[in-house]
Structures are given as C-alpha cells and as structure tokens.
PDB file of all heavy atoms in Angstrom:
ATOM      1  N   GLY A   1     -21.240  21.525 129.738  1.00  0.00           N
ATOM      2  CA  GLY A   1     -19.943  22.192 129.763  1.00  0.00           C
ATOM      3  C   GLY A   1     -18.831  21.336 129.177  1.00  0.00           C
ATOM      4  O   GLY A   1     -17.974  20.871 129.906  1.00  0.00           O
ATOM      5  N   ILE A   2     -18.854  21.139 127.863  1.00  0.00           N
ATOM      6  CA  ILE A   2     -17.828  20.362 127.193  1.00  0.00           C
ATOM      7  C   ILE A   2     -17.081  21.246 126.197  1.00  0.00           C
ATOM      8  O   ILE A   2     -17.550  22.327 125.828  1.00  0.00           O
ATOM      9  CB  ILE A   2     -18.396  19.122 126.487  1.00  0.00           C
ATOM     10  CG1 ILE A   2     -19.342  19.515 125.369  1.00  0.00           C
ATOM     11  CG2 ILE A   2     -19.062  18.189 127.478  1.00  0.00           C
ATOM     12  CD1 ILE A   2     -19.770  18.374 124.485  1.00  0.00           C
ATOM     13  N   THR A   3     -15.943  20.769 125.756  1.00  0.00           N
ATOM     14  CA  THR A   3     -15.141  21.493 124.779  1.00  0.00           C
ATOM     15  C   THR A   3     -16.002  21.901 123.591  1.00  0.00           C
ATOM     16  O   THR A   3     -16.859  21.143 123.144  1.00  0.00           O
ATOM     17  CB  THR A   3     -14.011  20.566 124.277  1.00  0.00           C
ATOM     18  OG1 THR A   3     -13.326  20.034 125.390  1.00  0.00           O
ATOM     19  CG2 THR A   3     -13.018  21.315 123.380  1.00  0.00           C
ATOM     20  N   ASP A   4     -15.784  23.082 123.075  1.00  0.00           N
ATOM     21  CA  ASP A   4     -16.458  23.673 121.909  1.00  0.00           C
ATOM     22  C   ASP A   4     -17.853  24.183 122.205  1.00  0.00           C
ATOM     23  O   ASP A   4     -18.518  24.718 121.302  1.00  0.00           O
ATOM     24  CB  ASP A   4     -16.556  22.681 120.728  1.00  0.00           C
ATOM     25  CG  ASP A   4     -15.203  22.156 120.292  1.00  0.00           C
ATOM     26  OD1 ASP A   4     -14.275  22.957 120.248  1.00  0.00           O
ATOM     27  OD2 ASP A   4     -15.087  20.952 120.021  1.00  0.00           O
ATOM     28  N   ASN A   5     -18.359  24.054 123.413  1.00  0.00           N
ATOM     29  CA  ASN A   5     -19.731  24.469 123.711  1.00  0.00           C
ATOM     30  C   ASN A   5     -19.784  25.787 124.475  1.00  0.00           C
ATOM     31  O   ASN A   5     -20.869  26.175 124.940  1.00  0.00           O
ATOM     32  CB  ASN A   5     -20.487  23.358 124.438  1.00  0.00           C
ATOM     33  CG  ASN A   5     -21.970  23.502 124.313  1.00  0.00           C
ATOM     34  OD1 ASN A   5     -22.478  24.095 123.386  1.00  0.00           O
ATOM     35  ND2 ASN A   5     -22.684  22.960 125.288  1.00  0.00           N
ATOM     36  N   SER A   6     -18.696  26.494 124.623  1.00  0.00           N
ATOM     37  CA  SER A   6     -18.684  27.758 125.389  1.00  0.00           C
ATOM     38  C   SER A   6     -19.703  28.776 124.861  1.00  0.00           C
ATOM     39  O   SER A   6     -20.381  29.410 125.684  1.00  0.00           O
ATOM     40  CB  SER A   6     -17.301  28.387 125.390  1.00  0.00           C
ATOM     41  OG  SER A   6     -16.417  27.591 126.108  1.00  0.00           O
ATOM     42  N   PRO A   7     -19.836  28.962 123.548  1.00  0.00           N
ATOM     43  CA  PRO A   7     -20.823  29.962 123.086  1.00  0.00           C
ATOM     44  C   PRO A   7     -22.249  29.647 123.535  1.00  0.00           C
ATOM     45  O   PRO A   7     -22.988  30.559 123.922  1.00  0.00           O
ATOM     46  CB  PRO A   7     -20.700  29.912 121.554  1.00  0.00           C
ATOM     47  CG  PRO A   7     -19.352  29.379 121.293  1.00  0.00           C
ATOM     48  CD  PRO A   7     -19.059  28.443 122.422  1.00  0.00           C
ATOM     49  N   MET A   8     -22.627  28.379 123.523  1.00  0.00           N
ATOM     50  CA  MET A   8     -23.983  28.022 123.937  1.00  0.00           C
ATOM     51  C   MET A   8     -24.169  28.161 125.449  1.00  0.00           C
ATOM     52  O   MET A   8     -25.245  28.542 125.909  1.00  0.00           O
ATOM     53  CB  MET A   8     -24.329  26.603 123.484  1.00  0.00           C
ATOM     54  CG  MET A   8     -24.481  26.446 121.986  1.00  0.00           C
ATOM     55  SD  MET A   8     -25.769  27.476 121.250  1.00  0.00           S
ATOM     56  CE  MET A   8     -27.223  26.588 121.716  1.00  0.00           C
ATOM     57  N   LEU A   9     -23.118  27.903 126.220  1.00  0.00           N
ATOM     58  CA  LEU A   9     -23.193  28.106 127.677  1.00  0.00           C
ATOM     59  C   LEU A   9     -23.367  29.582 127.996  1.00  0.00           C
ATOM     60  O   LEU A   9     -24.174  29.966 128.844  1.00  0.00           O
ATOM     61  CB  LEU A   9     -21.954  27.550 128.362  1.00  0.00           C
ATOM     62  CG  LEU A   9     -21.743  26.056 128.361  1.00  0.00           C
ATOM     63  CD1 LEU A   9     -20.442  25.700 129.067  1.00  0.00           C
ATOM     64  CD2 LEU A   9     -22.908  25.317 128.993  1.00  0.00           C
ATOM     65  N   SER A  10     -22.589  30.420 127.305  1.00  0.00           N
ATOM     66  CA  SER A  10     -22.680  31.869 127.517  1.00  0.00           C
ATOM     67  C   SER A  10     -24.055  32.380 127.118  1.00  0.00           C
ATOM     68  O   SER A  10     -24.619  33.254 127.797  1.00  0.00           O
ATOM     69  CB  SER A  10     -21.608  32.597 126.731  1.00  0.00           C
ATOM     70  OG  SER A  10     -20.327  32.213 127.185  1.00  0.00           O
ATOM     71  N   ARG A  11     -24.563  31.844 126.054  1.00  0.00           N
ATOM     72  CA  ARG A  11     -25.899  32.259 125.586  1.00  0.00           C
ATOM     73  C   ARG A  11     -26.965  31.874 126.631  1.00  0.00           C
ATOM     74  O   ARG A  11     -27.878  32.627 126.892  1.00  0.00           O
ATOM     75  CB  ARG A  11     -26.196  31.600 124.236  1.00  0.00           C
ATOM     76  CG  ARG A  11     -27.444  32.083 123.602  1.00  0.00           C
ATOM     77  CD  ARG A  11     -27.551  31.571 122.192  1.00  0.00           C
ATOM     78  NE  ARG A  11     -28.933  31.650 121.767  1.00  0.00           N
ATOM     79  CZ  ARG A  11     -29.504  30.919 120.840  1.00  0.00           C
ATOM     80  NH1 ARG A  11     -28.776  30.015 120.209  1.00  0.00           N
ATOM     81  NH2 ARG A  11     -30.754  31.045 120.532  1.00  0.00           N
ATOM     82  N   TYR A  12     -26.809  30.667 127.208  1.00  0.00           N
ATOM     83  CA  TYR A  12     -27.746  30.240 128.252  1.00  0.00           C
ATOM     84  C   TYR A  12     -27.684  31.180 129.444  1.00  0.00           C
ATOM     85  O   TYR A  12     -28.715  31.614 129.949  1.00  0.00           O
ATOM     86  CB  TYR A  12     -27.442  28.805 128.690  1.00  0.00           C
ATOM     87  CG  TYR A  12     -28.413  28.263 129.694  1.00  0.00           C
ATOM     88  CD1 TYR A  12     -29.668  27.852 129.301  1.00  0.00           C
ATOM     89  CD2 TYR A  12     -28.083  28.171 131.035  1.00  0.00           C
ATOM     90  CE1 TYR A  12     -30.595  27.359 130.229  1.00  0.00           C
ATOM     91  CE2 TYR A  12     -28.988  27.676 131.958  1.00  0.00           C
ATOM     92  CZ  TYR A  12     -30.234  27.278 131.544  1.00  0.00           C
ATOM     93  OH  TYR A  12     -31.132  26.797 132.462  1.00  0.00           O
ATOM     94  N   TRP A  13     -26.481  31.509 129.901  1.00  0.00           N
ATOM     95  CA  TRP A  13     -26.333  32.439 131.032  1.00  0.00           C
ATOM     96  C   TRP A  13     -27.009  33.764 130.718  1.00  0.00           C
ATOM     97  O   TRP A  13     -27.737  34.318 131.548  1.00  0.00           O
ATOM     98  CB  TRP A  13     -24.857  32.655 131.347  1.00  0.00           C
ATOM     99  CG  TRP A  13     -24.628  33.530 132.514  1.00  0.00           C
ATOM    100  CD1 TRP A  13     -24.566  33.146 133.824  1.00  0.00           C
ATOM    101  CD2 TRP A  13     -24.445  34.951 132.516  1.00  0.00           C
ATOM    102  NE1 TRP A  13     -24.340  34.242 134.629  1.00  0.00           N
ATOM    103  CE2 TRP A  13     -24.262  35.353 133.849  1.00  0.00           C
ATOM    104  CE3 TRP A  13     -24.413  35.917 131.516  1.00  0.00           C
ATOM    105  CZ2 TRP A  13     -24.083  36.684 134.203  1.00  0.00           C
ATOM    106  CZ3 TRP A  13     -24.222  37.241 131.872  1.00  0.00           C
ATOM    107  CH2 TRP A  13     -24.065  37.619 133.212  1.00  0.00           C
ATOM    108  N   TYR A  14     -26.770  34.281 129.518  1.00  0.00           N
ATOM    109  CA  TYR A  14     -27.359  35.564 129.108  1.00  0.00           C
ATOM    110  C   TYR A  14     -28.889  35.504 129.105  1.00  0.00           C
ATOM    111  O   TYR A  14     -29.567  36.394 129.600  1.00  0.00           O
ATOM    112  CB  TYR A  14     -26.819  35.966 127.732  1.00  0.00           C
ATOM    113  CG  TYR A  14     -27.422  37.232 127.185  1.00  0.00           C
ATOM    114  CD1 TYR A  14     -27.100  38.464 127.748  1.00  0.00           C
ATOM    115  CD2 TYR A  14     -28.331  37.200 126.138  1.00  0.00           C
ATOM    116  CE1 TYR A  14     -27.673  39.638 127.269  1.00  0.00           C
ATOM    117  CE2 TYR A  14     -28.900  38.349 125.640  1.00  0.00           C
ATOM    118  CZ  TYR A  14     -28.568  39.561 126.197  1.00  0.00           C
ATOM    119  OH  TYR A  14     -29.135  40.720 125.727  1.00  0.00           O
ATOM    120  N   GLU A  15     -29.455  34.431 128.552  1.00  0.00           N
ATOM    121  CA  GLU A  15     -30.919  34.280 128.486  1.00  0.00           C
ATOM    122  C   GLU A  15     -31.512  34.175 129.885  1.00  0.00           C
ATOM    123  O   GLU A  15     -32.579  34.741 130.146  1.00  0.00           O
ATOM    124  CB  GLU A  15     -31.311  33.068 127.640  1.00  0.00           C
ATOM    125  CG  GLU A  15     -30.978  33.184 126.163  1.00  0.00           C
ATOM    126  CD  GLU A  15     -31.730  34.275 125.450  1.00  0.00           C
ATOM    127  OE1 GLU A  15     -32.879  34.584 125.836  1.00  0.00           O
ATOM    128  OE2 GLU A  15     -31.191  34.839 124.487  1.00  0.00           O
ATOM    129  N   VAL A  16     -30.834  33.475 130.783  1.00  0.00           N
ATOM    130  CA  VAL A  16     -31.331  33.350 132.161  1.00  0.00           C
ATOM    131  C   VAL A  16     -31.294  34.712 132.846  1.00  0.00           C
ATOM    132  O   VAL A  16     -32.262  35.070 133.538  1.00  0.00           O
ATOM    133  CB  VAL A  16     -30.532  32.298 132.949  1.00  0.00           C
ATOM    134  CG1 VAL A  16     -30.832  32.349 134.444  1.00  0.00           C
ATOM    135  CG2 VAL A  16     -30.826  30.907 132.408  1.00  0.00           C
ATOM    136  N   THR A  17     -30.249  35.479 132.668  1.00  0.00           N
ATOM    137  CA  THR A  17     -30.204  36.810 133.297  1.00  0.00           C
ATOM    138  C   THR A  17     -31.273  37.730 132.731  1.00  0.00           C
ATOM    139  O   THR A  17     -31.879  38.514 133.470  1.00  0.00           O
ATOM    140  CB  THR A  17     -28.814  37.468 133.158  1.00  0.00           C
ATOM    141  OG1 THR A  17     -28.429  37.516 131.805  1.00  0.00           O
ATOM    142  CG2 THR A  17     -27.767  36.730 133.960  1.00  0.00           C
ATOM    143  N   LYS A  18     -31.549  37.632 131.437  1.00  0.00           N
ATOM    144  CA  LYS A  18     -32.635  38.427 130.843  1.00  0.00           C
ATOM    145  C   LYS A  18     -33.983  38.039 131.442  1.00  0.00           C
ATOM    146  O   LYS A  18     -34.797  38.903 131.752  1.00  0.00           O
ATOM    147  CB  LYS A  18     -32.698  38.228 129.324  1.00  0.00           C
ATOM    148  CG  LYS A  18     -31.758  39.096 128.552  1.00  0.00           C
ATOM    149  CD  LYS A  18     -31.866  39.035 127.052  1.00  0.00           C
ATOM    150  CE  LYS A  18     -32.986  38.271 126.445  1.00  0.00           C
ATOM    151  NZ  LYS A  18     -32.933  38.158 124.970  1.00  0.00           N
ATOM    152  N   LEU A  19     -34.216  36.738 131.614  1.00  0.00           N
ATOM    153  CA  LEU A  19     -35.461  36.269 132.210  1.00  0.00           C
ATOM    154  C   LEU A  19     -35.583  36.764 133.661  1.00  0.00           C
ATOM    155  O   LEU A  19     -36.660  37.189 134.099  1.00  0.00           O
ATOM    156  CB  LEU A  19     -35.537  34.742 132.184  1.00  0.00           C
ATOM    157  CG  LEU A  19     -35.808  34.101 130.844  1.00  0.00           C
ATOM    158  CD1 LEU A  19     -35.614  32.590 130.926  1.00  0.00           C
ATOM    159  CD2 LEU A  19     -37.215  34.412 130.369  1.00  0.00           C
ATOM    160  N   LEU A  20     -34.500  36.679 134.374  1.00  0.00           N
ATOM    161  CA  LEU A  20     -34.494  37.128 135.766  1.00  0.00           C
ATOM    162  C   LEU A  20     -34.834  38.611 135.848  1.00  0.00           C
ATOM    163  O   LEU A  20     -35.654  39.036 136.651  1.00  0.00           O
ATOM    164  CB  LEU A  20     -33.128  36.836 136.375  1.00  0.00           C
ATOM    165  CG  LEU A  20     -32.992  36.880 137.877  1.00  0.00           C
ATOM    166  CD1 LEU A  20     -33.990  35.954 138.559  1.00  0.00           C
ATOM    167  CD2 LEU A  20     -31.574  36.494 138.279  1.00  0.00           C
ATOM    168  N   PHE A  21     -34.208  39.409 135.005  1.00  0.00           N
ATOM    169  CA  PHE A  21     -34.480  40.840 134.950  1.00  0.00           C
ATOM    170  C   PHE A  21     -35.948  41.115 134.637  1.00  0.00           C
ATOM    171  O   PHE A  21     -36.617  41.900 135.308  1.00  0.00           O
ATOM    172  CB  PHE A  21     -33.574  41.506 133.890  1.00  0.00           C
ATOM    173  CG  PHE A  21     -33.833  42.957 133.681  1.00  0.00           C
ATOM    174  CD1 PHE A  21     -33.424  43.891 134.625  1.00  0.00           C
ATOM    175  CD2 PHE A  21     -34.472  43.412 132.540  1.00  0.00           C
ATOM    176  CE1 PHE A  21     -33.655  45.250 134.435  1.00  0.00           C
ATOM    177  CE2 PHE A  21     -34.708  44.758 132.335  1.00  0.00           C
ATOM    178  CZ  PHE A  21     -34.299  45.681 133.296  1.00  0.00           C
ATOM    179  N   LYS A  22     -36.475  40.398 133.654  1.00  0.00           N
ATOM    180  CA  LYS A  22     -37.876  40.577 133.241  1.00  0.00           C
ATOM    181  C   LYS A  22     -38.839  40.264 134.393  1.00  0.00           C
ATOM    182  O   LYS A  22     -39.738  41.042 134.698  1.00  0.00           O
ATOM    183  CB  LYS A  22     -38.181  39.667 132.051  1.00  0.00           C
ATOM    184  CG  LYS A  22     -39.632  39.619 131.662  1.00  0.00           C
ATOM    185  CD  LYS A  22     -39.849  38.593 130.557  1.00  0.00           C
ATOM    186  CE  LYS A  22     -41.319  38.410 130.270  1.00  0.00           C
ATOM    187  NZ  LYS A  22     -41.532  37.414 129.204  1.00  0.00           N
ATOM    188  N   TRP A  23     -38.646  39.099 135.031  1.00  0.00           N
ATOM    189  CA  TRP A  23     -39.620  38.675 136.036  1.00  0.00           C
ATOM    190  C   TRP A  23     -39.437  39.398 137.357  1.00  0.00           C
ATOM    191  O   TRP A  23     -40.410  39.550 138.125  1.00  0.00           O
ATOM    192  CB  TRP A  23     -39.601  37.168 136.188  1.00  0.00           C
ATOM    193  CG  TRP A  23     -40.222  36.537 134.991  1.00  0.00           C
ATOM    194  CD1 TRP A  23     -39.589  35.901 133.967  1.00  0.00           C
ATOM    195  CD2 TRP A  23     -41.610  36.555 134.635  1.00  0.00           C
ATOM    196  NE1 TRP A  23     -40.486  35.516 133.006  1.00  0.00           N
ATOM    197  CE2 TRP A  23     -41.751  35.897 133.403  1.00  0.00           C
ATOM    198  CE3 TRP A  23     -42.759  37.060 135.249  1.00  0.00           C
ATOM    199  CZ2 TRP A  23     -42.975  35.752 132.768  1.00  0.00           C
ATOM    200  CZ3 TRP A  23     -43.979  36.898 134.626  1.00  0.00           C
ATOM    201  CH2 TRP A  23     -44.081  36.245 133.400  1.00  0.00           C
ATOM    202  N   LEU A  24     -38.249  39.864 137.675  1.00  0.00           N
ATOM    203  CA  LEU A  24     -38.093  40.695 138.872  1.00  0.00           C
ATOM    204  C   LEU A  24     -38.809  42.030 138.689  1.00  0.00           C
ATOM    205  O   LEU A  24     -39.328  42.604 139.651  1.00  0.00           O
ATOM    206  CB  LEU A  24     -36.612  40.906 139.199  1.00  0.00           C
ATOM    207  CG  LEU A  24     -35.876  39.708 139.810  1.00  0.00           C
ATOM    208  CD1 LEU A  24     -34.407  40.064 140.000  1.00  0.00           C
ATOM    209  CD2 LEU A  24     -36.524  39.256 141.099  1.00  0.00           C
ATOM    210  N   ASN A  25     -38.829  42.523 137.483  1.00  0.00           N
ATOM    211  CA  ASN A  25     -39.518  43.785 137.214  1.00  0.00           C
ATOM    212  C   ASN A  25     -41.036  43.608 137.142  1.00  0.00           C
ATOM    213  O   ASN A  25     -41.773  44.603 137.100  1.00  0.00           O
ATOM    214  CB  ASN A  25     -39.009  44.429 135.923  1.00  0.00           C
ATOM    215  CG  ASN A  25     -37.766  45.261 136.180  1.00  0.00           C
ATOM    216  OD1 ASN A  25     -37.670  45.902 137.208  1.00  0.00           O
ATOM    217  ND2 ASN A  25     -36.838  45.207 135.265  1.00  0.00           N
ATOM    218  N   ARG A  26     -41.527  42.417 137.118  1.00  0.00           N
ATOM    219  CA  ARG A  26     -42.976  42.187 137.091  1.00  0.00           C
ATOM    220  C   ARG A  26     -43.514  41.884 138.483  1.00  0.00           C
ATOM    221  O   ARG A  26     -44.649  41.451 138.618  1.00  0.00           O
ATOM    222  CB  ARG A  26     -43.313  41.030 136.143  1.00  0.00           C
ATOM    223  CG  ARG A  26     -43.054  41.435 134.721  1.00  0.00           C
ATOM    224  CD  ARG A  26     -43.703  40.502 133.798  1.00  0.00           C
ATOM    225  NE  ARG A  26     -43.550  40.998 132.432  1.00  0.00           N
ATOM    226  CZ  ARG A  26     -44.083  40.427 131.399  1.00  0.00           C
ATOM    227  NH1 ARG A  26     -44.783  39.335 131.525  1.00  0.00           N
ATOM    228  NH2 ARG A  26     -43.911  40.916 130.194  1.00  0.00           N
ATOM    229  N   ARG A  27     -42.715  42.106 139.485  1.00  0.00           N
ATOM    230  CA  ARG A  27     -43.167  41.860 140.856  1.00  0.00           C
ATOM    231  C   ARG A  27     -44.103  42.945 141.345  1.00  0.00           C
ATOM    232  O   ARG A  27     -44.879  42.742 142.237  1.00  0.00           O
ATOM    233  CB  ARG A  27     -41.966  41.753 141.780  1.00  0.00           C
ATOM    234  CG  ARG A  27     -41.185  40.466 141.592  1.00  0.00           C
ATOM    235  CD  ARG A  27     -39.781  40.526 142.121  1.00  0.00           C
ATOM    236  NE  ARG A  27     -39.652  40.897 143.504  1.00  0.00           N
ATOM    237  CZ  ARG A  27     -39.115  40.125 144.418  1.00  0.00           C
ATOM    238  NH1 ARG A  27     -38.668  38.929 144.112  1.00  0.00           N
ATOM    239  NH2 ARG A  27     -38.990  40.544 145.650  1.00  0.00           N
ATOM    240  N   SER A  28     -44.001  44.119 140.747  1.00  0.00           N
ATOM    241  CA  SER A  28     -44.890  45.208 141.124  1.00  0.00           C
ATOM    242  C   SER A  28     -45.273  45.964 139.851  1.00  0.00           C
ATOM    243  O   SER A  28     -44.785  45.641 138.766  1.00  0.00           O
ATOM    244  CB  SER A  28     -44.199  46.167 142.107  1.00  0.00           C
ATOM    245  OG  SER A  28     -43.120  46.796 141.465  1.00  0.00           O
TER     246      SER A  28
END
C-alpha cells in the first residue's frame, strides 16, 4: 500500500473476491 500502487491493490482485492466466489460455489 504505497503511493501510485492503488490500481494493483484494487486488482488484488477484485481477484481475491473472484476466488472467494468461485470456491464458495464449489462447496456443494
């Protein structure tokens, strides 16, 4: 979380939420 890195932080958050969505849907 340093200056100029906001786009990469947002991208990380988005990728983590996508992974969470994917693996929660694979529980059943």
